[in-house]
Amino acid sequence: MVKVDIIRSIQFKEGMLFGEAEKLVNILIDTIKERLISGEEVLISGFGKFKLKDKDPRPGRNPKSGELYEVEARRVVVFHPSKVWKEEIADN
């Protein structure tokens, strides 16, 4: 499933125009991104939690040449599904 599939699903379920559903999905995604960038966690009850995690620099190795290099420190988005959703997935 890609973004356009989500938009079409909302469009048909809610009887909306494609543009309205697209705007809704984009607002949701933009809001989540903005909150994460500002350092907040985003909790969607029954679905899960998005948060930023800082990763320390670490040594890496090129698998082809065996050459060592430093993997730079970075921030990554981490998602943890809710307990309710994990149980739904396990039951199906």
PDB file of N, CA and C in Angstrom:
ATOM      1  N   MET A   1       0.851  -1.169   0.000  1.00  0.00           N
ATOM      2  CA  MET A   1       0.000   0.000   0.000  1.00  0.00           C
ATOM      3  C   MET A   1       0.895   1.229   0.000  1.00  0.00           C
ATOM      4  N   VAL A   2       0.554   2.181  -0.841  1.00  0.00           N
ATOM      5  CA  VAL A   2       1.274   3.438  -0.919  1.00  0.00           C
ATOM      6  C   VAL A   2       0.321   4.576  -0.555  1.00  0.00           C
ATOM      7  N   LYS A   3       0.863   5.779  -0.489  1.00  0.00           N
ATOM      8  CA  LYS A   3       0.081   6.928  -0.039  1.00  0.00           C
ATOM      9  C   LYS A   3      -1.210   7.105  -0.838  1.00  0.00           C
ATOM     10  N   VAL A   4      -1.147   6.962  -2.148  1.00  0.00           N
ATOM     11  CA  VAL A   4      -2.347   7.151  -2.972  1.00  0.00           C
ATOM     12  C   VAL A   4      -3.412   6.096  -2.641  1.00  0.00           C
ATOM     13  N   ASP A   5      -3.005   4.902  -2.248  1.00  0.00           N
ATOM     14  CA  ASP A   5      -3.972   3.869  -1.843  1.00  0.00           C
ATOM     15  C   ASP A   5      -4.695   4.279  -0.561  1.00  0.00           C
ATOM     16  N   ILE A   6      -3.970   4.888   0.363  1.00  0.00           N
ATOM     17  CA  ILE A   6      -4.583   5.378   1.601  1.00  0.00           C
ATOM     18  C   ILE A   6      -5.580   6.483   1.271  1.00  0.00           C
ATOM     19  N   ILE A   7      -5.183   7.391   0.386  1.00  0.00           N
ATOM     20  CA  ILE A   7      -6.067   8.494  -0.016  1.00  0.00           C
ATOM     21  C   ILE A   7      -7.336   7.944  -0.655  1.00  0.00           C
ATOM     22  N   ARG A   8      -7.196   6.994  -1.563  1.00  0.00           N
ATOM     23  CA  ARG A   8      -8.377   6.418  -2.238  1.00  0.00           C
ATOM     24  C   ARG A   8      -9.271   5.674  -1.251  1.00  0.00           C
ATOM     25  N   SER A   9      -8.668   4.985  -0.291  1.00  0.00           N
ATOM     26  CA  SER A   9      -9.449   4.271   0.713  1.00  0.00           C
ATOM     27  C   SER A   9     -10.306   5.245   1.515  1.00  0.00           C
ATOM     28  N   ILE A  10      -9.702   6.348   1.950  1.00  0.00           N
ATOM     29  CA  ILE A  10     -10.449   7.373   2.693  1.00  0.00           C
ATOM     30  C   ILE A  10     -11.519   7.981   1.794  1.00  0.00           C
ATOM     31  N   GLN A  11     -11.161   8.245   0.552  1.00  0.00           N
ATOM     32  CA  GLN A  11     -12.097   8.834  -0.402  1.00  0.00           C
ATOM     33  C   GLN A  11     -13.357   7.986  -0.529  1.00  0.00           C
ATOM     34  N   PHE A  12     -13.203   6.692  -0.721  1.00  0.00           N
ATOM     35  CA  PHE A  12     -14.362   5.825  -0.913  1.00  0.00           C
ATOM     36  C   PHE A  12     -15.131   5.557   0.371  1.00  0.00           C
ATOM     37  N   LYS A  13     -14.417   5.398   1.495  1.00  0.00           N
ATOM     38  CA  LYS A  13     -15.093   5.128   2.761  1.00  0.00           C
ATOM     39  C   LYS A  13     -15.903   6.317   3.249  1.00  0.00           C
ATOM     40  N   GLU A  14     -15.411   7.527   2.995  1.00  0.00           N
ATOM     41  CA  GLU A  14     -16.072   8.731   3.502  1.00  0.00           C
ATOM     42  C   GLU A  14     -16.860   9.480   2.431  1.00  0.00           C
ATOM     43  N   GLY A  15     -16.828   9.005   1.185  1.00  0.00           N
ATOM     44  CA  GLY A  15     -17.555   9.674   0.117  1.00  0.00           C
ATOM     45  C   GLY A  15     -17.022  11.059  -0.182  1.00  0.00           C
ATOM     46  N   MET A  16     -15.715  11.212  -0.100  1.00  0.00           N
ATOM     47  CA  MET A  16     -15.075  12.513  -0.325  1.00  0.00           C
ATOM     48  C   MET A  16     -14.522  12.576  -1.743  1.00  0.00           C
ATOM     49  N   LEU A  17     -14.215  13.779  -2.182  1.00  0.00           N
ATOM     50  CA  LEU A  17     -13.471  13.949  -3.416  1.00  0.00           C
ATOM     51  C   LEU A  17     -12.019  13.554  -3.155  1.00  0.00           C
ATOM     52  N   PHE A  18     -11.326  13.124  -4.216  1.00  0.00           N
ATOM     53  CA  PHE A  18      -9.933  12.709  -4.064  1.00  0.00           C
ATOM     54  C   PHE A  18      -9.097  13.833  -3.463  1.00  0.00           C
ATOM     55  N   GLY A  19      -9.276  15.052  -3.930  1.00  0.00           N
ATOM     56  CA  GLY A  19      -8.498  16.194  -3.442  1.00  0.00           C
ATOM     57  C   GLY A  19      -8.708  16.459  -1.965  1.00  0.00           C
ATOM     58  N   GLU A  20      -9.942  16.279  -1.487  1.00  0.00           N
ATOM     59  CA  GLU A  20     -10.225  16.483  -0.062  1.00  0.00           C
ATOM     60  C   GLU A  20      -9.527  15.424   0.779  1.00  0.00           C
ATOM     61  N   ALA A  21      -9.603  14.169   0.331  1.00  0.00           N
ATOM     62  CA  ALA A  21      -8.959  13.077   1.059  1.00  0.00           C
ATOM     63  C   ALA A  21      -7.439  13.252   1.045  1.00  0.00           C
ATOM     64  N   GLU A  22      -6.906  13.685  -0.083  1.00  0.00           N
ATOM     65  CA  GLU A  22      -5.465  13.914  -0.192  1.00  0.00           C
ATOM     66  C   GLU A  22      -5.025  15.013   0.774  1.00  0.00           C
ATOM     67  N   LYS A  23      -5.801  16.082   0.845  1.00  0.00           N
ATOM     68  CA  LYS A  23      -5.486  17.187   1.757  1.00  0.00           C
ATOM     69  C   LYS A  23      -5.485  16.701   3.202  1.00  0.00           C
ATOM     70  N   LEU A  24      -6.456  15.871   3.560  1.00  0.00           N
ATOM     71  CA  LEU A  24      -6.558  15.326   4.907  1.00  0.00           C
ATOM     72  C   LEU A  24      -5.333  14.475   5.257  1.00  0.00           C
ATOM     73  N   VAL A  25      -4.936  13.591   4.356  1.00  0.00           N
ATOM     74  CA  VAL A  25      -3.772  12.733   4.587  1.00  0.00           C
ATOM     75  C   VAL A  25      -2.509  13.577   4.705  1.00  0.00           C
ATOM     76  N   ASN A  26      -2.353  14.569   3.830  1.00  0.00           N
ATOM     77  CA  ASN A  26      -1.163  15.431   3.877  1.00  0.00           C
ATOM     78  C   ASN A  26      -1.094  16.232   5.172  1.00  0.00           C
ATOM     79  N   ILE A  27      -2.240  16.720   5.652  1.00  0.00           N
ATOM     80  CA  ILE A  27      -2.265  17.452   6.919  1.00  0.00           C
ATOM     81  C   ILE A  27      -1.835  16.538   8.064  1.00  0.00           C
ATOM     82  N   LEU A  28      -2.332  15.304   8.082  1.00  0.00           N
ATOM     83  CA  LEU A  28      -1.959  14.349   9.125  1.00  0.00           C
ATOM     84  C   LEU A  28      -0.456  14.082   9.103  1.00  0.00           C
ATOM     85  N   ILE A  29       0.086  13.792   7.931  1.00  0.00           N
ATOM     86  CA  ILE A  29       1.514  13.493   7.812  1.00  0.00           C
ATOM     87  C   ILE A  29       2.354  14.704   8.202  1.00  0.00           C
ATOM     88  N   ASP A  30       1.971  15.885   7.716  1.00  0.00           N
ATOM     89  CA  ASP A  30       2.722  17.100   8.045  1.00  0.00           C
ATOM     90  C   ASP A  30       2.695  17.392   9.545  1.00  0.00           C
ATOM     91  N   THR A  31       1.551  17.177  10.180  1.00  0.00           N
ATOM     92  CA  THR A  31       1.433  17.407  11.622  1.00  0.00           C
ATOM     93  C   THR A  31       2.345  16.471  12.397  1.00  0.00           C
ATOM     94  N   ILE A  32       2.365  15.200  12.022  1.00  0.00           N
ATOM     95  CA  ILE A  32       3.242  14.232  12.689  1.00  0.00           C
ATOM     96  C   ILE A  32       4.700  14.646  12.510  1.00  0.00           C
ATOM     97  N   LYS A  33       5.090  15.008  11.282  1.00  0.00           N
ATOM     98  CA  LYS A  33       6.475  15.420  11.027  1.00  0.00           C
ATOM     99  C   LYS A  33       6.849  16.658  11.833  1.00  0.00           C
ATOM    100  N   GLU A  34       5.966  17.655  11.866  1.00  0.00           N
ATOM    101  CA  GLU A  34       6.252  18.887  12.606  1.00  0.00           C
ATOM    102  C   GLU A  34       6.460  18.607  14.087  1.00  0.00           C
ATOM    103  N   ARG A  35       5.602  17.782  14.668  1.00  0.00           N
ATOM    104  CA  ARG A  35       5.717  17.479  16.102  1.00  0.00           C
ATOM    105  C   ARG A  35       6.997  16.715  16.408  1.00  0.00           C
ATOM    106  N   LEU A  36       7.364  15.772  15.534  1.00  0.00           N
ATOM    107  CA  LEU A  36       8.600  15.022  15.746  1.00  0.00           C
ATOM    108  C   LEU A  36       9.815  15.945  15.642  1.00  0.00           C
ATOM    109  N   ILE A  37       9.817  16.830  14.654  1.00  0.00           N
ATOM    110  CA  ILE A  37      10.935  17.762  14.487  1.00  0.00           C
ATOM    111  C   ILE A  37      11.082  18.659  15.708  1.00  0.00           C
ATOM    112  N   SER A  38       9.948  19.037  16.311  1.00  0.00           N
ATOM    113  CA  SER A  38      10.009  19.900  17.501  1.00  0.00           C
ATOM    114  C   SER A  38      10.394  19.128  18.762  1.00  0.00           C
ATOM    115  N   GLY A  39      10.565  17.812  18.644  1.00  0.00           N
ATOM    116  CA  GLY A  39      11.019  17.011  19.776  1.00  0.00           C
ATOM    117  C   GLY A  39       9.923  16.303  20.544  1.00  0.00           C
ATOM    118  N   GLU A  40       8.675  16.441  20.113  1.00  0.00           N
ATOM    119  CA  GLU A  40       7.566  15.782  20.800  1.00  0.00           C
ATOM    120  C   GLU A  40       7.399  14.348  20.310  1.00  0.00           C
ATOM    121  N   GLU A  41       6.843  13.513  21.174  1.00  0.00           N
ATOM    122  CA  GLU A  41       6.415  12.178  20.765  1.00  0.00           C
ATOM    123  C   GLU A  41       4.996  12.309  20.236  1.00  0.00           C
ATOM    124  N   VAL A  42       4.636  11.454  19.289  1.00  0.00           N
ATOM    125  CA  VAL A  42       3.288  11.462  18.735  1.00  0.00           C
ATOM    126  C   VAL A  42       2.641  10.125  19.078  1.00  0.00           C
ATOM    127  N   LEU A  43       1.598  10.180  19.900  1.00  0.00           N
ATOM    128  CA  LEU A  43       0.893   8.986  20.336  1.00  0.00           C
ATOM    129  C   LEU A  43      -0.488   8.969  19.698  1.00  0.00           C
ATOM    130  N   ILE A  44      -0.778   7.910  18.958  1.00  0.00           N
ATOM    131  CA  ILE A  44      -2.098   7.718  18.367  1.00  0.00           C
ATOM    132  C   ILE A  44      -2.691   6.494  19.062  1.00  0.00           C
ATOM    133  N   SER A  45      -3.662   6.730  19.942  1.00  0.00           N
ATOM    134  CA  SER A  45      -4.240   5.646  20.741  1.00  0.00           C
ATOM    135  C   SER A  45      -4.774   4.538  19.843  1.00  0.00           C
ATOM    136  N   GLY A  46      -4.461   3.305  20.214  1.00  0.00           N
ATOM    137  CA  GLY A  46      -4.915   2.155  19.456  1.00  0.00           C
ATOM    138  C   GLY A  46      -4.061   1.852  18.239  1.00  0.00           C
ATOM    139  N   PHE A  47      -3.085   2.714  17.961  1.00  0.00           N
ATOM    140  CA  PHE A  47      -2.213   2.508  16.798  1.00  0.00           C
ATOM    141  C   PHE A  47      -0.755   2.395  17.227  1.00  0.00           C
ATOM    142  N   GLY A  48      -0.210   3.462  17.829  1.00  0.00           N
ATOM    143  CA  GLY A  48       1.170   3.392  18.270  1.00  0.00           C
ATOM    144  C   GLY A  48       1.765   4.747  18.556  1.00  0.00           C
ATOM    145  N   LYS A  49       3.085   4.743  18.796  1.00  0.00           N
ATOM    146  CA  LYS A  49       3.807   5.954  19.167  1.00  0.00           C
ATOM    147  C   LYS A  49       4.997   6.143  18.236  1.00  0.00           C
ATOM    148  N   PHE A  50       5.137   7.387  17.719  1.00  0.00           N
ATOM    149  CA  PHE A  50       6.299   7.783  16.941  1.00  0.00           C
ATOM    150  C   PHE A  50       7.174   8.643  17.842  1.00  0.00           C
ATOM    151  N   LYS A  51       8.494   8.428  17.784  1.00  0.00           N
ATOM    152  CA  LYS A  51       9.396   9.303  18.523  1.00  0.00           C
ATOM    153  C   LYS A  51      10.748   9.331  17.829  1.00  0.00           C
ATOM    154  N   LEU A  52      11.517  10.372  18.126  1.00  0.00           N
ATOM    155  CA  LEU A  52      12.857  10.501  17.580  1.00  0.00           C
ATOM    156  C   LEU A  52      13.861   9.877  18.534  1.00  0.00           C
ATOM    157  N   LYS A  53      14.866   9.249  17.966  1.00  0.00           N
ATOM    158  CA  LYS A  53      15.922   8.651  18.766  1.00  0.00           C
ATOM    159  C   LYS A  53      17.259   9.113  18.189  1.00  0.00           C
ATOM    160  N   ASP A  54      18.145   9.547  19.066  1.00  0.00           N
ATOM    161  CA  ASP A  54      19.490   9.934  18.642  1.00  0.00           C
ATOM    162  C   ASP A  54      20.381   8.704  18.658  1.00  0.00           C
ATOM    163  N   LYS A  55      21.071   8.481  17.543  1.00  0.00           N
ATOM    164  CA  LYS A  55      22.001   7.361  17.453  1.00  0.00           C
ATOM    165  C   LYS A  55      23.416   7.908  17.517  1.00  0.00           C
ATOM    166  N   ASP A  56      24.241   7.287  18.332  1.00  0.00           N
ATOM    167  CA  ASP A  56      25.635   7.697  18.485  1.00  0.00           C
ATOM    168  C   ASP A  56      26.450   7.270  17.265  1.00  0.00           C
ATOM    169  N   PRO A  57      27.573   7.953  17.038  1.00  0.00           N
ATOM    170  CA  PRO A  57      28.456   7.490  15.961  1.00  0.00           C
ATOM    171  C   PRO A  57      28.997   6.107  16.313  1.00  0.00           C
ATOM    172  N   ARG A  58      29.280   5.340  15.275  1.00  0.00           N
ATOM    173  CA  ARG A  58      29.781   3.982  15.514  1.00  0.00           C
ATOM    174  C   ARG A  58      30.684   3.577  14.362  1.00  0.00           C
ATOM    175  N   PRO A  59      31.527   2.594  14.602  1.00  0.00           N
ATOM    176  CA  PRO A  59      32.374   2.123  13.502  1.00  0.00           C
ATOM    177  C   PRO A  59      31.546   1.277  12.526  1.00  0.00           C
ATOM    178  N   GLY A  60      31.859   1.408  11.262  1.00  0.00           N
ATOM    179  CA  GLY A  60      31.197   0.599  10.243  1.00  0.00           C
ATOM    180  C   GLY A  60      32.243  -0.050   9.358  1.00  0.00           C
ATOM    181  N   ARG A  61      31.797  -0.973   8.521  1.00  0.00           N
ATOM    182  CA  ARG A  61      32.725  -1.662   7.626  1.00  0.00           C
ATOM    183  C   ARG A  61      32.056  -1.824   6.262  1.00  0.00           C
ATOM    184  N   ASN A  62      32.797  -1.478   5.210  1.00  0.00           N
ATOM    185  CA  ASN A  62      32.323  -1.716   3.854  1.00  0.00           C
ATOM    186  C   ASN A  62      32.397  -3.219   3.604  1.00  0.00           C
ATOM    187  N   PRO A  63      31.258  -3.879   3.346  1.00  0.00           N
ATOM    188  CA  PRO A  63      31.286  -5.338   3.200  1.00  0.00           C
ATOM    189  C   PRO A  63      32.055  -5.816   1.964  1.00  0.00           C
ATOM    190  N   LYS A  64      32.153  -4.974   0.961  1.00  0.00           N
ATOM    191  CA  LYS A  64      32.850  -5.380  -0.258  1.00  0.00           C
ATOM    192  C   LYS A  64      34.364  -5.295  -0.105  1.00  0.00           C
ATOM    193  N   SER A  65      34.833  -4.155   0.440  1.00  0.00           N
ATOM    194  CA  SER A  65      36.283  -3.944   0.528  1.00  0.00           C
ATOM    195  C   SER A  65      36.850  -4.257   1.910  1.00  0.00           C
ATOM    196  N   GLY A  66      35.978  -4.320   2.926  1.00  0.00           N
ATOM    197  CA  GLY A  66      36.443  -4.547   4.285  1.00  0.00           C
ATOM    198  C   GLY A  66      36.968  -3.281   4.946  1.00  0.00           C
ATOM    199  N   GLU A  67      36.896  -2.153   4.243  1.00  0.00           N
ATOM    200  CA  GLU A  67      37.405  -0.882   4.754  1.00  0.00           C
ATOM    201  C   GLU A  67      36.562  -0.391   5.929  1.00  0.00           C
ATOM    202  N   LEU A  68      37.230   0.060   7.003  1.00  0.00           N
ATOM    203  CA  LEU A  68      36.546   0.612   8.165  1.00  0.00           C
ATOM    204  C   LEU A  68      36.245   2.087   7.937  1.00  0.00           C
ATOM    205  N   TYR A  69      35.118   2.538   8.465  1.00  0.00           N
ATOM    206  CA  TYR A  69      34.768   3.959   8.403  1.00  0.00           C
ATOM    207  C   TYR A  69      33.860   4.279   9.571  1.00  0.00           C
ATOM    208  N   GLU A  70      33.664   5.575   9.821  1.00  0.00           N
ATOM    209  CA  GLU A  70      32.838   6.032  10.940  1.00  0.00           C
ATOM    210  C   GLU A  70      31.430   6.333  10.427  1.00  0.00           C
ATOM    211  N   VAL A  71      30.426   5.683  11.007  1.00  0.00           N
ATOM    212  CA  VAL A  71      29.038   6.001  10.702  1.00  0.00           C
ATOM    213  C   VAL A  71      28.673   7.186  11.583  1.00  0.00           C
ATOM    214  N   GLU A  72      28.237   8.275  10.958  1.00  0.00           N
ATOM    215  CA  GLU A  72      27.981   9.513  11.695  1.00  0.00           C
ATOM    216  C   GLU A  72      26.777   9.382  12.628  1.00  0.00           C
ATOM    217  N   ALA A  73      26.772  10.219  13.663  1.00  0.00           N
ATOM    218  CA  ALA A  73      25.614  10.296  14.565  1.00  0.00           C
ATOM    219  C   ALA A  73      24.421  10.805  13.761  1.00  0.00           C
ATOM    220  N   ARG A  74      23.236  10.338  14.111  1.00  0.00           N
ATOM    221  CA  ARG A  74      22.054  10.775  13.383  1.00  0.00           C
ATOM    222  C   ARG A  74      20.819  10.596  14.241  1.00  0.00           C
ATOM    223  N   ARG A  75      19.728  11.202  13.785  1.00  0.00           N
ATOM    224  CA  ARG A  75      18.435  11.044  14.447  1.00  0.00           C
ATOM    225  C   ARG A  75      17.561  10.186  13.545  1.00  0.00           C
ATOM    226  N   VAL A  76      16.850   9.259  14.154  1.00  0.00           N
ATOM    227  CA  VAL A  76      15.954   8.395  13.388  1.00  0.00           C
ATOM    228  C   VAL A  76      14.574   8.404  14.041  1.00  0.00           C
ATOM    229  N   VAL A  77      13.561   8.151  13.231  1.00  0.00           N
ATOM    230  CA  VAL A  77      12.202   8.034  13.741  1.00  0.00           C
ATOM    231  C   VAL A  77      11.970   6.573  14.118  1.00  0.00           C
ATOM    232  N   VAL A  78      11.446   6.368  15.308  1.00  0.00           N
ATOM    233  CA  VAL A  78      11.156   5.024  15.807  1.00  0.00           C
ATOM    234  C   VAL A  78       9.645   4.923  16.008  1.00  0.00           C
ATOM    235  N   PHE A  79       9.074   3.795  15.612  1.00  0.00           N
ATOM    236  CA  PHE A  79       7.644   3.564  15.809  1.00  0.00           C
ATOM    237  C   PHE A  79       7.467   2.340  16.689  1.00  0.00           C
ATOM    238  N   HIS A  80       6.615   2.486  17.715  1.00  0.00           N
ATOM    239  CA  HIS A  80       6.269   1.372  18.589  1.00  0.00           C
ATOM    240  C   HIS A  80       4.760   1.167  18.493  1.00  0.00           C
ATOM    241  N   PRO A  81       4.317   0.028  17.975  1.00  0.00           N
ATOM    242  CA  PRO A  81       2.869  -0.211  17.895  1.00  0.00           C
ATOM    243  C   PRO A  81       2.255  -0.339  19.281  1.00  0.00           C
ATOM    244  N   SER A  82       0.970   0.030  19.383  1.00  0.00           N
ATOM    245  CA  SER A  82       0.280  -0.057  20.671  1.00  0.00           C
ATOM    246  C   SER A  82       0.027  -1.515  21.029  1.00  0.00           C
ATOM    247  N   LYS A  83      -0.190  -1.752  22.311  1.00  0.00           N
ATOM    248  CA  LYS A  83      -0.477  -3.101  22.797  1.00  0.00           C
ATOM    249  C   LYS A  83      -1.756  -3.642  22.149  1.00  0.00           C
ATOM    250  N   VAL A  84      -2.764  -2.781  22.026  1.00  0.00           N
ATOM    251  CA  VAL A  84      -4.034  -3.186  21.419  1.00  0.00           C
ATOM    252  C   VAL A  84      -3.816  -3.645  19.984  1.00  0.00           C
ATOM    253  N   TRP A  85      -3.045  -2.880  19.220  1.00  0.00           N
ATOM    254  CA  TRP A  85      -2.812  -3.211  17.820  1.00  0.00           C
ATOM    255  C   TRP A  85      -1.973  -4.478  17.687  1.00  0.00           C
ATOM    256  N   LYS A  86      -0.980  -4.645  18.574  1.00  0.00           N
ATOM    257  CA  LYS A  86      -0.166  -5.868  18.567  1.00  0.00           C
ATOM    258  C   LYS A  86      -1.054  -7.094  18.793  1.00  0.00           C
ATOM    259  N   GLU A  87      -2.001  -6.970  19.725  1.00  0.00           N
ATOM    260  CA  GLU A  87      -2.912  -8.087  19.997  1.00  0.00           C
ATOM    261  C   GLU A  87      -3.813  -8.371  18.798  1.00  0.00           C
ATOM    262  N   GLU A  88      -4.299  -7.332  18.125  1.00  0.00           N
ATOM    263  CA  GLU A  88      -5.126  -7.516  16.936  1.00  0.00           C
ATOM    264  C   GLU A  88      -4.343  -8.249  15.859  1.00  0.00           C
ATOM    265  N   ILE A  89      -3.088  -7.866  15.665  1.00  0.00           N
ATOM    266  CA  ILE A  89      -2.260  -8.504  14.652  1.00  0.00           C
ATOM    267  C   ILE A  89      -2.017  -9.968  15.015  1.00  0.00           C
ATOM    268  N   ALA A  90      -1.730 -10.248  16.278  1.00  0.00           N
ATOM    269  CA  ALA A  90      -1.466 -11.609  16.720  1.00  0.00           C
ATOM    270  C   ALA A  90      -2.695 -12.498  16.564  1.00  0.00           C
ATOM    271  N   ASP A  91      -3.895 -11.932  16.780  1.00  0.00           N
ATOM    272  CA  ASP A  91      -5.116 -12.714  16.688  1.00  0.00           C
ATOM    273  C   ASP A  91      -5.494 -13.030  15.246  1.00  0.00           C
ATOM    274  N   ASN A  92      -5.010 -12.221  14.316  1.00  0.00           N
ATOM    275  CA  ASN A  92      -5.335 -12.461  12.904  1.00  0.00           C
ATOM    276  C   ASN A  92      -4.191 -13.151  12.275  1.00  0.00           C
TER     277      ASN A  92
END
